[in-house]
C-alpha atoms as a PDB file:
ATOM      1  CA  MET A   1      20.316 -12.514  -4.154  1.00  0.00           C
ATOM      2  CA  VAL A   2      16.753 -11.216  -3.700  1.00  0.00           C
ATOM      3  CA  ASN A   3      14.492 -11.438  -6.757  1.00  0.00           C
ATOM      4  CA  PHE A   4      13.608  -8.109  -8.396  1.00  0.00           C
ATOM      5  CA  GLN A   5      11.421  -7.822 -11.467  1.00  0.00           C
ATOM      6  CA  GLU A   6       9.413  -4.967 -12.942  1.00  0.00           C
ATOM      7  CA  THR A   7       5.784  -5.701 -13.804  1.00  0.00           C
ATOM      8  CA  GLN A   8       3.265  -3.824 -15.932  1.00  0.00           C
ATOM      9  CA  PHE A   9       1.991  -1.788 -12.942  1.00  0.00           C
ATOM     10  CA  GLY A  10       4.791  -2.043 -10.376  1.00  0.00           C
ATOM     11  CA  PHE A  11       7.439  -4.517  -9.317  1.00  0.00           C
ATOM     12  CA  GLU A  12       8.176  -7.750  -7.484  1.00  0.00           C
ATOM     13  CA  TRP A  13      10.880  -7.609  -4.841  1.00  0.00           C
ATOM     14  CA  GLY A  14      11.547 -10.719  -2.799  1.00  0.00           C
ATOM     15  CA  ALA A  15       8.219 -11.963  -1.423  1.00  0.00           C
ATOM     16  CA  VAL A  16       6.317  -8.709  -2.071  1.00  0.00           C
ATOM     17  CA  THR A  17       4.566  -7.437  -5.188  1.00  0.00           C
ATOM     18  CA  ILE A  18       3.835  -3.709  -5.224  1.00  0.00           C
ATOM     19  CA  GLU A  19       1.341  -2.408  -7.780  1.00  0.00           C
ATOM     20  CA  ARG A  20      -0.095   1.020  -8.493  1.00  0.00           C
ATOM     21  CA  ASN A  21      -3.826   0.771  -8.953  1.00  0.00           C
ATOM     22  CA  PHE A  22      -5.410   4.169  -9.598  1.00  0.00           C
ATOM     23  CA  SER A  23      -5.406   7.857  -8.845  1.00  0.00           C
ATOM     24  CA  GLY A  24      -8.482   9.849  -7.847  1.00  0.00           C
ATOM     25  CA  PRO A  25     -10.335  11.666  -6.267  1.00  0.00           C
ATOM     26  CA  PRO A  26      -8.104  14.526  -7.389  1.00  0.00           C
ATOM     27  CA  GLY A  27      -4.694  14.065  -5.832  1.00  0.00           C
ATOM     28  CA  TRP A  28      -5.313  10.640  -4.240  1.00  0.00           C
ATOM     29  CA  VAL A  29      -3.265   7.591  -5.175  1.00  0.00           C
ATOM     30  CA  HIS A  30      -3.828   3.909  -4.371  1.00  0.00           C
ATOM     31  CA  PHE A  31      -1.417   0.997  -4.450  1.00  0.00           C
ATOM     32  CA  THR A  32      -1.308  -2.547  -3.097  1.00  0.00           C
ATOM     33  CA  MET A  33       1.373  -4.590  -1.386  1.00  0.00           C
ATOM     34  CA  LYS A  34       0.841  -8.335  -1.809  1.00  0.00           C
ATOM     35  CA  THR A  35       2.736 -11.156  -0.104  1.00  0.00           C
ATOM     36  CA  PRO A  36       1.984 -14.865   0.201  1.00  0.00           C
ATOM     37  CA  LYS A  37       0.484 -14.156   3.667  1.00  0.00           C
ATOM     38  CA  THR A  38      -1.389 -10.841   3.304  1.00  0.00           C
ATOM     39  CA  ASN A  39      -2.515  -8.050   0.985  1.00  0.00           C
ATOM     40  CA  LEU A  40      -2.472  -4.406   2.040  1.00  0.00           C
ATOM     41  CA  SER A  41      -4.227  -1.524   0.278  1.00  0.00           C
ATOM     42  CA  VAL A  42      -2.609   1.889   0.724  1.00  0.00           C
ATOM     43  CA  TYR A  43      -4.326   5.196  -0.020  1.00  0.00           C
ATOM     44  CA  VAL A  44      -2.444   8.496   0.075  1.00  0.00           C
ATOM     45  CA  THR A  45      -4.409  11.758  -0.056  1.00  0.00           C
ATOM     46  CA  LYS A  46      -3.225  14.925  -1.773  1.00  0.00           C
ATOM     47  CA  THR A  47      -2.325  16.347   1.666  1.00  0.00           C
ATOM     48  CA  GLY A  48      -0.164  13.313   2.489  1.00  0.00           C
ATOM     49  CA  LYS A  49      -2.490  11.391   4.824  1.00  0.00           C
ATOM     50  CA  ILE A  50      -1.921   7.632   4.592  1.00  0.00           C
ATOM     51  CA  ARG A  51      -4.716   5.082   5.070  1.00  0.00           C
ATOM     52  CA  ILE A  52      -3.803   1.382   5.124  1.00  0.00           C
ATOM     53  CA  TYR A  53      -6.309  -1.463   4.906  1.00  0.00           C
ATOM     54  CA  ASP A  54      -5.831  -5.171   5.577  1.00  0.00           C
ATOM     55  CA  GLY A  55      -8.918  -6.460   3.808  1.00  0.00           C
ATOM     56  CA  ASP A  56     -11.849  -4.418   5.158  1.00  0.00           C
ATOM     57  CA  ARG A  57     -10.025  -3.462   8.383  1.00  0.00           C
ATOM     58  CA  GLU A  58      -8.216  -0.113   8.534  1.00  0.00           C
ATOM     59  CA  ILE A  59      -4.857  -0.191  10.294  1.00  0.00           C
ATOM     60  CA  ASN A  60      -4.515   2.804  12.614  1.00  0.00           C
ATOM     61  CA  LEU A  61      -1.078   4.450  12.327  1.00  0.00           C
ATOM     62  CA  ARG A  62      -1.666   7.075  15.036  1.00  0.00           C
ATOM     63  CA  LYS A  63       0.140   6.654  18.339  1.00  0.00           C
ATOM     64  CA  GLU A  64      -2.083   6.301  21.370  1.00  0.00           C
ATOM     65  CA  GLU A  65      -2.438   9.585  23.236  1.00  0.00           C
ATOM     66  CA  ASN A  66      -1.369   7.945  26.513  1.00  0.00           C
ATOM     67  CA  GLU A  67       1.963   6.705  25.169  1.00  0.00           C
END
Protein backbone atom coordinates (compact mmCIF):
# COMPACT_ATOMS: atom_id res chain seq x y z
CA MET A 1 0.00 0.00 0.00
CA VAL A 2 1.27 3.49 -0.90
CA ASN A 3 1.72 5.90 2.02
CA PHE A 4 -0.79 8.78 2.17
CA GLN A 5 -0.76 11.41 4.89
CA GLU A 6 -2.20 14.90 5.10
CA THR A 7 0.16 17.66 6.24
CA GLN A 8 -0.48 21.20 7.45
CA PHE A 9 -0.24 22.64 3.91
CA GLY A 10 -0.81 19.65 1.63
CA PHE A 11 -0.16 15.93 1.63
CA GLU A 12 2.42 13.18 1.26
CA TRP A 13 1.63 10.46 -1.24
CA GLY A 14 4.23 7.79 -1.86
CA ALA A 15 7.55 9.51 -2.57
CA VAL A 16 6.03 12.95 -3.27
CA THR A 17 5.06 15.76 -0.92
CA ILE A 18 2.71 18.36 -2.39
CA GLU A 19 2.34 21.67 -0.55
CA ARG A 20 0.40 24.84 -1.27
CA ASN A 21 2.60 27.84 -0.70
CA PHE A 22 0.79 31.10 -1.47
CA SER A 23 -1.69 32.90 -3.66
CA GLY A 24 -1.04 36.24 -5.34
CA PRO A 25 -0.77 38.36 -7.50
CA PRO A 26 -4.56 38.34 -7.66
CA GLY A 27 -5.68 34.96 -8.94
CA TRP A 28 -2.25 33.27 -9.00
CA VAL A 29 -1.50 30.18 -6.93
CA HIS A 30 1.82 28.48 -6.16
CA PHE A 31 2.55 24.98 -4.94
CA THR A 32 5.56 22.69 -4.74
CA MET A 33 6.09 19.02 -5.51
CA LYS A 34 9.03 17.54 -3.59
CA THR A 35 10.59 14.10 -4.03
CA PRO A 36 13.88 12.66 -2.79
CA LYS A 37 15.39 13.47 -6.23
CA THR A 38 13.91 16.85 -7.22
CA ASN A 39 11.71 19.79 -6.22
CA LEU A 40 9.35 21.47 -8.66
CA SER A 41 7.64 24.84 -8.20
CA VAL A 42 4.33 25.25 -10.01
CA TYR A 43 2.63 28.59 -10.66
CA VAL A 44 -0.88 28.81 -12.11
CA THR A 45 -2.19 32.19 -13.29
CA LYS A 46 -5.81 33.31 -13.02
CA THR A 47 -6.22 32.56 -16.75
CA GLY A 48 -4.96 28.99 -16.30
CA LYS A 49 -1.39 29.32 -17.62
CA ILE A 50 0.98 26.90 -15.89
CA ARG A 51 4.65 27.69 -15.26
CA ILE A 52 6.88 24.95 -13.81
CA TYR A 53 10.37 25.52 -12.43
CA ASP A 54 13.06 22.99 -11.54
CA GLY A 55 15.22 25.21 -9.36
CA ASP A 56 15.87 28.38 -11.39
CA ARG A 57 15.18 26.68 -14.75
CA GLU A 58 11.70 26.97 -16.27
CA ILE A 59 10.40 23.80 -17.89
CA ASN A 60 8.77 24.60 -21.23
CA LEU A 61 5.45 22.75 -21.68
CA ARG A 62 4.76 24.02 -25.21
CA LYS A 63 5.14 21.58 -28.08
CA GLU A 64 7.71 22.51 -30.68
CA GLU A 65 6.12 24.13 -33.71
CA ASN A 66 7.81 21.64 -36.05
CA GLU A 67 6.34 18.57 -34.37
